[in-house]
Amino acid sequence: MHLLFSGEKIKQTQLEPRPRLRPIRVGLHGQDFLVIPVANLVQMKLSSYRDKDRVHIPGMDAAGLITQDVESTLNDALQSKLHHIRATE
């Protein structure tokens, strides 16, 4: 098992710590689930910037999940990484 804590860096090379999570309750097929907000997920992916994270971003982007609102939550360094991924796709 591998535990990751919100608000902490996993590696010193990360640009910023994992965001503080505020899960959203979503109902689906009569069940309630807690899900991570897309903005938090994008921040984590861009901050870690591993190969698998860089692969997930274009898929999320193509699905329309990375909106202007989500982009506006990113700091300059993470926005730069997002633009780089988009430019090299």
PDB file of N, CA and C in Angstrom:
ATOM      1  N   MET A   1       0.842  -1.158   0.000  1.00  0.00           N
ATOM      2  CA  MET A   1       0.000   0.000   0.000  1.00  0.00           C
ATOM      3  C   MET A   1       0.898   1.234   0.000  1.00  0.00           C
ATOM      4  N   HIS A   2       0.479   2.238  -0.748  1.00  0.00           N
ATOM      5  CA  HIS A   2       1.245   3.472  -0.858  1.00  0.00           C
ATOM      6  C   HIS A   2       0.315   4.624  -0.485  1.00  0.00           C
ATOM      7  N   LEU A   3       0.576   5.287   0.614  1.00  0.00           N
ATOM      8  CA  LEU A   3      -0.261   6.394   1.069  1.00  0.00           C
ATOM      9  C   LEU A   3       0.361   7.725   0.668  1.00  0.00           C
ATOM     10  N   LEU A   4      -0.460   8.602   0.135  1.00  0.00           N
ATOM     11  CA  LEU A   4      -0.041   9.957  -0.197  1.00  0.00           C
ATOM     12  C   LEU A   4      -0.896  10.907   0.623  1.00  0.00           C
ATOM     13  N   PHE A   5      -0.272  11.888   1.235  1.00  0.00           N
ATOM     14  CA  PHE A   5      -0.997  12.807   2.086  1.00  0.00           C
ATOM     15  C   PHE A   5      -1.174  14.153   1.407  1.00  0.00           C
ATOM     16  N   SER A   6      -2.371  14.700   1.498  1.00  0.00           N
ATOM     17  CA  SER A   6      -2.611  16.011   0.906  1.00  0.00           C
ATOM     18  C   SER A   6      -1.842  17.060   1.701  1.00  0.00           C
ATOM     19  N   GLY A   7      -1.422  18.099   1.002  1.00  0.00           N
ATOM     20  CA  GLY A   7      -0.680  19.170   1.652  1.00  0.00           C
ATOM     21  C   GLY A   7       0.799  18.887   1.835  1.00  0.00           C
ATOM     22  N   GLU A   8       1.285  17.740   1.347  1.00  0.00           N
ATOM     23  CA  GLU A   8       2.692  17.382   1.499  1.00  0.00           C
ATOM     24  C   GLU A   8       3.325  17.083   0.149  1.00  0.00           C
ATOM     25  N   LYS A   9       4.627  17.333   0.045  1.00  0.00           N
ATOM     26  CA  LYS A   9       5.372  16.950  -1.149  1.00  0.00           C
ATOM     27  C   LYS A   9       5.792  15.492  -1.002  1.00  0.00           C
ATOM     28  N   ILE A  10       5.748  14.769  -2.110  1.00  0.00           N
ATOM     29  CA  ILE A  10       6.200  13.390  -2.110  1.00  0.00           C
ATOM     30  C   ILE A  10       7.718  13.378  -2.306  1.00  0.00           C
ATOM     31  N   LYS A  11       8.191  14.239  -3.226  1.00  0.00           N
ATOM     32  CA  LYS A  11       9.615  14.379  -3.504  1.00  0.00           C
ATOM     33  C   LYS A  11       9.970  15.859  -3.467  1.00  0.00           C
ATOM     34  N   GLN A  12      11.191  16.148  -3.147  1.00  0.00           N
ATOM     35  CA  GLN A  12      11.629  17.546  -3.109  1.00  0.00           C
ATOM     36  C   GLN A  12      11.601  18.198  -4.488  1.00  0.00           C
ATOM     37  N   THR A  13      11.612  17.389  -5.546  1.00  0.00           N
ATOM     38  CA  THR A  13      11.609  17.931  -6.900  1.00  0.00           C
ATOM     39  C   THR A  13      10.231  18.429  -7.335  1.00  0.00           C
ATOM     40  N   GLN A  14       9.198  18.081  -6.574  1.00  0.00           N
ATOM     41  CA  GLN A  14       7.862  18.558  -6.913  1.00  0.00           C
ATOM     42  C   GLN A  14       7.803  20.068  -6.775  1.00  0.00           C
ATOM     43  N   LEU A  15       7.074  20.723  -7.675  1.00  0.00           N
ATOM     44  CA  LEU A  15       6.957  22.180  -7.631  1.00  0.00           C
ATOM     45  C   LEU A  15       6.183  22.660  -6.423  1.00  0.00           C
ATOM     46  N   GLU A  16       5.156  21.929  -6.057  1.00  0.00           N
ATOM     47  CA  GLU A  16       4.351  22.326  -4.914  1.00  0.00           C
ATOM     48  C   GLU A  16       3.790  21.084  -4.237  1.00  0.00           C
ATOM     49  N   PRO A  17       3.368  21.228  -2.984  1.00  0.00           N
ATOM     50  CA  PRO A  17       2.805  20.058  -2.299  1.00  0.00           C
ATOM     51  C   PRO A  17       1.482  19.641  -2.925  1.00  0.00           C
ATOM     52  N   ARG A  18       1.073  18.437  -2.632  1.00  0.00           N
ATOM     53  CA  ARG A  18      -0.240  17.967  -3.078  1.00  0.00           C
ATOM     54  C   ARG A  18      -1.288  18.949  -2.539  1.00  0.00           C
ATOM     55  N   PRO A  19      -2.324  19.227  -3.333  1.00  0.00           N
ATOM     56  CA  PRO A  19      -3.335  20.175  -2.855  1.00  0.00           C
ATOM     57  C   PRO A  19      -4.137  19.590  -1.697  1.00  0.00           C
ATOM     58  N   ARG A  20      -4.637  20.477  -0.856  1.00  0.00           N
ATOM     59  CA  ARG A  20      -5.565  20.043   0.192  1.00  0.00           C
ATOM     60  C   ARG A  20      -6.838  19.601  -0.512  1.00  0.00           C
ATOM     61  N   LEU A  21      -7.301  18.424  -0.216  1.00  0.00           N
ATOM     62  CA  LEU A  21      -8.448  17.868  -0.932  1.00  0.00           C
ATOM     63  C   LEU A  21      -9.752  18.203  -0.228  1.00  0.00           C
ATOM     64  N   ARG A  22     -10.722  18.550  -1.039  1.00  0.00           N
ATOM     65  CA  ARG A  22     -12.074  18.766  -0.574  1.00  0.00           C
ATOM     66  C   ARG A  22     -12.982  17.934  -1.483  1.00  0.00           C
ATOM     67  N   PRO A  23     -13.128  16.638  -1.176  1.00  0.00           N
ATOM     68  CA  PRO A  23     -13.898  15.750  -2.044  1.00  0.00           C
ATOM     69  C   PRO A  23     -15.328  16.251  -2.254  1.00  0.00           C
ATOM     70  N   ILE A  24     -15.853  15.931  -3.413  1.00  0.00           N
ATOM     71  CA  ILE A  24     -17.211  16.296  -3.789  1.00  0.00           C
ATOM     72  C   ILE A  24     -18.055  15.032  -3.730  1.00  0.00           C
ATOM     73  N   ARG A  25     -19.236  15.137  -3.158  1.00  0.00           N
ATOM     74  CA  ARG A  25     -20.148  13.992  -3.090  1.00  0.00           C
ATOM     75  C   ARG A  25     -20.937  13.936  -4.397  1.00  0.00           C
ATOM     76  N   VAL A  26     -20.894  12.768  -5.043  1.00  0.00           N
ATOM     77  CA  VAL A  26     -21.574  12.573  -6.321  1.00  0.00           C
ATOM     78  C   VAL A  26     -22.471  11.349  -6.209  1.00  0.00           C
ATOM     79  N   GLY A  27     -23.695  11.474  -6.688  1.00  0.00           N
ATOM     80  CA  GLY A  27     -24.609  10.341  -6.696  1.00  0.00           C
ATOM     81  C   GLY A  27     -24.606   9.678  -8.067  1.00  0.00           C
ATOM     82  N   LEU A  28     -24.498   8.353  -8.074  1.00  0.00           N
ATOM     83  CA  LEU A  28     -24.483   7.610  -9.327  1.00  0.00           C
ATOM     84  C   LEU A  28     -25.121   6.253  -9.094  1.00  0.00           C
ATOM     85  N   HIS A  29     -26.149   5.942  -9.854  1.00  0.00           N
ATOM     86  CA  HIS A  29     -26.852   4.658  -9.747  1.00  0.00           C
ATOM     87  C   HIS A  29     -27.322   4.385  -8.319  1.00  0.00           C
ATOM     88  N   GLY A  30     -27.831   5.400  -7.674  1.00  0.00           N
ATOM     89  CA  GLY A  30     -28.354   5.233  -6.322  1.00  0.00           C
ATOM     90  C   GLY A  30     -27.308   5.147  -5.230  1.00  0.00           C
ATOM     91  N   GLN A  31     -26.049   5.345  -5.568  1.00  0.00           N
ATOM     92  CA  GLN A  31     -24.954   5.285  -4.595  1.00  0.00           C
ATOM     93  C   GLN A  31     -24.306   6.665  -4.484  1.00  0.00           C
ATOM     94  N   ASP A  32     -23.819   7.013  -3.315  1.00  0.00           N
ATOM     95  CA  ASP A  32     -23.061   8.248  -3.126  1.00  0.00           C
ATOM     96  C   ASP A  32     -21.573   7.921  -3.087  1.00  0.00           C
ATOM     97  N   PHE A  33     -20.785   8.718  -3.811  1.00  0.00           N
ATOM     98  CA  PHE A  33     -19.342   8.546  -3.855  1.00  0.00           C
ATOM     99  C   PHE A  33     -18.678   9.879  -3.561  1.00  0.00           C
ATOM    100  N   LEU A  34     -17.502   9.833  -2.963  1.00  0.00           N
ATOM    101  CA  LEU A  34     -16.679  11.024  -2.812  1.00  0.00           C
ATOM    102  C   LEU A  34     -15.621  10.990  -3.899  1.00  0.00           C
ATOM    103  N   VAL A  35     -15.527  12.055  -4.678  1.00  0.00           N
ATOM    104  CA  VAL A  35     -14.551  12.120  -5.760  1.00  0.00           C
ATOM    105  C   VAL A  35     -13.687  13.362  -5.596  1.00  0.00           C
ATOM    106  N   ILE A  36     -12.476  13.274  -6.113  1.00  0.00           N
ATOM    107  CA  ILE A  36     -11.541  14.386  -6.044  1.00  0.00           C
ATOM    108  C   ILE A  36     -11.926  15.411  -7.123  1.00  0.00           C
ATOM    109  N   PRO A  37     -11.908  16.694  -6.805  1.00  0.00           N
ATOM    110  CA  PRO A  37     -12.183  17.711  -7.823  1.00  0.00           C
ATOM    111  C   PRO A  37     -11.138  17.658  -8.944  1.00  0.00           C
ATOM    112  N   VAL A  38     -11.574  17.898 -10.174  1.00  0.00           N
ATOM    113  CA  VAL A  38     -10.685  17.835 -11.330  1.00  0.00           C
ATOM    114  C   VAL A  38      -9.502  18.786 -11.165  1.00  0.00           C
ATOM    115  N   ALA A  39      -9.740  19.980 -10.642  1.00  0.00           N
ATOM    116  CA  ALA A  39      -8.647  20.952 -10.466  1.00  0.00           C
ATOM    117  C   ALA A  39      -7.550  20.375  -9.585  1.00  0.00           C
ATOM    118  N   ASN A  40      -7.921  19.686  -8.509  1.00  0.00           N
ATOM    119  CA  ASN A  40      -6.929  19.060  -7.626  1.00  0.00           C
ATOM    120  C   ASN A  40      -6.160  17.973  -8.352  1.00  0.00           C
ATOM    121  N   LEU A  41      -6.864  17.154  -9.133  1.00  0.00           N
ATOM    122  CA  LEU A  41      -6.219  16.065  -9.865  1.00  0.00           C
ATOM    123  C   LEU A  41      -5.226  16.614 -10.889  1.00  0.00           C
ATOM    124  N   VAL A  42      -5.615  17.651 -11.619  1.00  0.00           N
ATOM    125  CA  VAL A  42      -4.722  18.257 -12.608  1.00  0.00           C
ATOM    126  C   VAL A  42      -3.490  18.846 -11.918  1.00  0.00           C
ATOM    127  N   GLN A  43      -3.683  19.509 -10.782  1.00  0.00           N
ATOM    128  CA  GLN A  43      -2.540  20.057 -10.029  1.00  0.00           C
ATOM    129  C   GLN A  43      -1.586  18.952  -9.620  1.00  0.00           C
ATOM    130  N   MET A  44      -2.113  17.840  -9.143  1.00  0.00           N
ATOM    131  CA  MET A  44      -1.252  16.727  -8.722  1.00  0.00           C
ATOM    132  C   MET A  44      -0.502  16.136  -9.908  1.00  0.00           C
ATOM    133  N   LYS A  45      -1.192  15.951 -11.026  1.00  0.00           N
ATOM    134  CA  LYS A  45      -0.555  15.372 -12.215  1.00  0.00           C
ATOM    135  C   LYS A  45       0.570  16.271 -12.723  1.00  0.00           C
ATOM    136  N   LEU A  46       0.304  17.579 -12.804  1.00  0.00           N
ATOM    137  CA  LEU A  46       1.318  18.494 -13.324  1.00  0.00           C
ATOM    138  C   LEU A  46       2.465  18.694 -12.346  1.00  0.00           C
ATOM    139  N   SER A  47       2.190  18.614 -11.070  1.00  0.00           N
ATOM    140  CA  SER A  47       3.245  18.775 -10.074  1.00  0.00           C
ATOM    141  C   SER A  47       4.169  17.564 -10.054  1.00  0.00           C
ATOM    142  N   SER A  48       3.597  16.361 -10.148  1.00  0.00           N
ATOM    143  CA  SER A  48       4.422  15.145 -10.171  1.00  0.00           C
ATOM    144  C   SER A  48       5.159  15.023 -11.494  1.00  0.00           C
ATOM    145  N   TYR A  49       4.443  15.233 -12.591  1.00  0.00           N
ATOM    146  CA  TYR A  49       5.006  15.288 -13.940  1.00  0.00           C
ATOM    147  C   TYR A  49       5.755  14.019 -14.342  1.00  0.00           C
ATOM    148  N   ARG A  50       5.303  12.873 -13.831  1.00  0.00           N
ATOM    149  CA  ARG A  50       5.884  11.594 -14.248  1.00  0.00           C
ATOM    150  C   ARG A  50       5.345  11.249 -15.632  1.00  0.00           C
ATOM    151  N   ASP A  51       5.944  10.261 -16.286  1.00  0.00           N
ATOM    152  CA  ASP A  51       5.476   9.856 -17.617  1.00  0.00           C
ATOM    153  C   ASP A  51       3.976   9.559 -17.602  1.00  0.00           C
ATOM    154  N   LYS A  52       3.537   8.773 -16.626  1.00  0.00           N
ATOM    155  CA  LYS A  52       2.123   8.401 -16.599  1.00  0.00           C
ATOM    156  C   LYS A  52       1.226   9.612 -16.347  1.00  0.00           C
ATOM    157  N   ASP A  53       1.707  10.605 -15.610  1.00  0.00           N
ATOM    158  CA  ASP A  53       0.926  11.818 -15.388  1.00  0.00           C
ATOM    159  C   ASP A  53       0.819  12.635 -16.671  1.00  0.00           C
ATOM    160  N   ARG A  54       1.916  12.712 -17.405  1.00  0.00           N
ATOM    161  CA  ARG A  54       1.921  13.463 -18.663  1.00  0.00           C
ATOM    162  C   ARG A  54       1.023  12.792 -19.710  1.00  0.00           C
ATOM    163  N   VAL A  55       0.848  11.481 -19.604  1.00  0.00           N
ATOM    164  CA  VAL A  55      -0.032  10.756 -20.523  1.00  0.00           C
ATOM    165  C   VAL A  55      -1.501  11.011 -20.162  1.00  0.00           C
ATOM    166  N   HIS A  56      -1.813  11.171 -18.905  1.00  0.00           N
ATOM    167  CA  HIS A  56      -3.200  11.372 -18.487  1.00  0.00           C
ATOM    168  C   HIS A  56      -3.742  12.747 -18.872  1.00  0.00           C
ATOM    169  N   ILE A  57      -2.889  13.759 -18.873  1.00  0.00           N
ATOM    170  CA  ILE A  57      -3.341  15.133 -19.118  1.00  0.00           C
ATOM    171  C   ILE A  57      -4.026  15.288 -20.488  1.00  0.00           C
ATOM    172  N   PRO A  58      -3.443  14.816 -21.605  1.00  0.00           N
ATOM    173  CA  PRO A  58      -4.134  14.980 -22.894  1.00  0.00           C
ATOM    174  C   PRO A  58      -5.509  14.303 -22.932  1.00  0.00           C
ATOM    175  N   GLY A  59      -5.641  13.166 -22.286  1.00  0.00           N
ATOM    176  CA  GLY A  59      -6.931  12.490 -22.235  1.00  0.00           C
ATOM    177  C   GLY A  59      -7.966  13.299 -21.469  1.00  0.00           C
ATOM    178  N   MET A  60      -7.543  13.866 -20.358  1.00  0.00           N
ATOM    179  CA  MET A  60      -8.439  14.714 -19.575  1.00  0.00           C
ATOM    180  C   MET A  60      -8.807  15.959 -20.367  1.00  0.00           C
ATOM    181  N   ASP A  61      -7.827  16.494 -21.076  1.00  0.00           N
ATOM    182  CA  ASP A  61      -8.037  17.682 -21.895  1.00  0.00           C
ATOM    183  C   ASP A  61      -9.017  17.381 -23.032  1.00  0.00           C
ATOM    184  N   ALA A  62      -8.820  16.249 -23.709  1.00  0.00           N
ATOM    185  CA  ALA A  62      -9.687  15.859 -24.829  1.00  0.00           C
ATOM    186  C   ALA A  62     -11.129  15.618 -24.370  1.00  0.00           C
ATOM    187  N   ALA A  63     -11.293  15.190 -23.134  1.00  0.00           N
ATOM    188  CA  ALA A  63     -12.630  14.955 -22.590  1.00  0.00           C
ATOM    189  C   ALA A  63     -13.291  16.253 -22.126  1.00  0.00           C
ATOM    190  N   GLY A  64     -12.554  17.361 -22.217  1.00  0.00           N
ATOM    191  CA  GLY A  64     -13.109  18.652 -21.822  1.00  0.00           C
ATOM    192  C   GLY A  64     -13.079  18.902 -20.327  1.00  0.00           C
ATOM    193  N   LEU A  65     -12.276  18.130 -19.602  1.00  0.00           N
ATOM    194  CA  LEU A  65     -12.219  18.288 -18.146  1.00  0.00           C
ATOM    195  C   LEU A  65     -11.346  19.455 -17.706  1.00  0.00           C
ATOM    196  N   ILE A  66     -10.354  19.806 -18.517  1.00  0.00           N
ATOM    197  CA  ILE A  66      -9.455  20.904 -18.142  1.00  0.00           C
ATOM    198  C   ILE A  66     -10.003  22.180 -18.774  1.00  0.00           C
ATOM    199  N   THR A  67     -10.888  22.817 -18.054  1.00  0.00           N
ATOM    200  CA  THR A  67     -11.557  24.031 -18.511  1.00  0.00           C
ATOM    201  C   THR A  67     -10.730  25.265 -18.141  1.00  0.00           C
ATOM    202  N   GLN A  68     -11.191  26.427 -18.582  1.00  0.00           N
ATOM    203  CA  GLN A  68     -10.532  27.678 -18.202  1.00  0.00           C
ATOM    204  C   GLN A  68     -10.569  27.860 -16.684  1.00  0.00           C
ATOM    205  N   ASP A  69     -11.661  27.447 -16.043  1.00  0.00           N
ATOM    206  CA  ASP A  69     -11.759  27.550 -14.582  1.00  0.00           C
ATOM    207  C   ASP A  69     -10.694  26.696 -13.902  1.00  0.00           C
ATOM    208  N   VAL A  70     -10.488  25.483 -14.415  1.00  0.00           N
ATOM    209  CA  VAL A  70      -9.459  24.600 -13.857  1.00  0.00           C
ATOM    210  C   VAL A  70      -8.084  25.207 -14.101  1.00  0.00           C
ATOM    211  N   GLU A  71      -7.851  25.691 -15.315  1.00  0.00           N
ATOM    212  CA  GLU A  71      -6.560  26.312 -15.639  1.00  0.00           C
ATOM    213  C   GLU A  71      -6.260  27.498 -14.736  1.00  0.00           C
ATOM    214  N   SER A  72      -7.281  28.267 -14.402  1.00  0.00           N
ATOM    215  CA  SER A  72      -7.069  29.463 -13.580  1.00  0.00           C
ATOM    216  C   SER A  72      -6.625  29.131 -12.155  1.00  0.00           C
ATOM    217  N   THR A  73      -6.805  27.870 -11.731  1.00  0.00           N
ATOM    218  CA  THR A  73      -6.364  27.473 -10.390  1.00  0.00           C
ATOM    219  C   THR A  73      -4.882  27.125 -10.353  1.00  0.00           C
ATOM    220  N   LEU A  74      -4.250  27.004 -11.529  1.00  0.00           N
ATOM    221  CA  LEU A  74      -2.846  26.587 -11.611  1.00  0.00           C
ATOM    222  C   LEU A  74      -1.915  27.782 -11.486  1.00  0.00           C
ATOM    223  N   ASN A  75      -0.805  27.584 -10.789  1.00  0.00           N
ATOM    224  CA  ASN A  75       0.200  28.646 -10.735  1.00  0.00           C
ATOM    225  C   ASN A  75       0.937  28.703 -12.076  1.00  0.00           C
ATOM    226  N   ASP A  76       1.803  29.697 -12.241  1.00  0.00           N
ATOM    227  CA  ASP A  76       2.488  29.907 -13.526  1.00  0.00           C
ATOM    228  C   ASP A  76       3.302  28.698 -13.968  1.00  0.00           C
ATOM    229  N   ALA A  77       4.009  28.064 -13.032  1.00  0.00           N
ATOM    230  CA  ALA A  77       4.852  26.919 -13.375  1.00  0.00           C
ATOM    231  C   ALA A  77       4.011  25.746 -13.870  1.00  0.00           C
ATOM    232  N   LEU A  78       2.872  25.485 -13.221  1.00  0.00           N
ATOM    233  CA  LEU A  78       2.012  24.381 -13.643  1.00  0.00           C
ATOM    234  C   LEU A  78       1.309  24.710 -14.954  1.00  0.00           C
ATOM    235  N   GLN A  79       0.928  25.967 -15.157  1.00  0.00           N
ATOM    236  CA  GLN A  79       0.333  26.367 -16.436  1.00  0.00           C
ATOM    237  C   GLN A  79       1.345  26.168 -17.566  1.00  0.00           C
ATOM    238  N   SER A  80       2.602  26.482 -17.288  1.00  0.00           N
ATOM    239  CA  SER A  80       3.655  26.292 -18.287  1.00  0.00           C
ATOM    240  C   SER A  80       3.782  24.817 -18.667  1.00  0.00           C
ATOM    241  N   LYS A  81       3.722  23.943 -17.674  1.00  0.00           N
ATOM    242  CA  LYS A  81       3.793  22.502 -17.952  1.00  0.00           C
ATOM    243  C   LYS A  81       2.583  22.044 -18.764  1.00  0.00           C
ATOM    244  N   LEU A  82       1.407  22.569 -18.439  1.00  0.00           N
ATOM    245  CA  LEU A  82       0.205  22.214 -19.179  1.00  0.00           C
ATOM    246  C   LEU A  82       0.333  22.657 -20.639  1.00  0.00           C
ATOM    247  N   HIS A  83       0.801  23.869 -20.856  1.00  0.00           N
ATOM    248  CA  HIS A  83       0.981  24.371 -22.225  1.00  0.00           C
ATOM    249  C   HIS A  83       2.020  23.554 -22.987  1.00  0.00           C
ATOM    250  N   HIS A  84       3.068  23.115 -22.282  1.00  0.00           N
ATOM    251  CA  HIS A  84       4.091  22.284 -22.927  1.00  0.00           C
ATOM    252  C   HIS A  84       3.502  20.941 -23.382  1.00  0.00           C
ATOM    253  N   ILE A  85       2.709  20.334 -22.512  1.00  0.00           N
ATOM    254  CA  ILE A  85       2.073  19.056 -22.864  1.00  0.00           C
ATOM    255  C   ILE A  85       1.164  19.254 -24.066  1.00  0.00           C
ATOM    256  N   ARG A  86       0.378  20.321 -24.054  1.00  0.00           N
ATOM    257  CA  ARG A  86      -0.534  20.591 -25.173  1.00  0.00           C
ATOM    258  C   ARG A  86       0.234  20.834 -26.469  1.00  0.00           C
ATOM    259  N   ALA A  87       1.361  21.513 -26.384  1.00  0.00           N
ATOM    260  CA  ALA A  87       2.145  21.843 -27.584  1.00  0.00           C
ATOM    261  C   ALA A  87       2.865  20.625 -28.159  1.00  0.00           C
ATOM    262  N   THR A  88       3.172  19.647 -27.332  1.00  0.00           N
ATOM    263  CA  THR A  88       3.954  18.494 -27.790  1.00  0.00           C
ATOM    264  C   THR A  88       3.092  17.254 -28.029  1.00  0.00           C
ATOM    265  N   GLU A  89       1.823  17.385 -27.920  1.00  0.00           N
ATOM    266  CA  GLU A  89       0.893  16.268 -28.083  1.00  0.00           C
ATOM    267  C   GLU A  89       0.797  15.832 -29.515  1.00  0.00           C
TER     268      GLU A  89
END
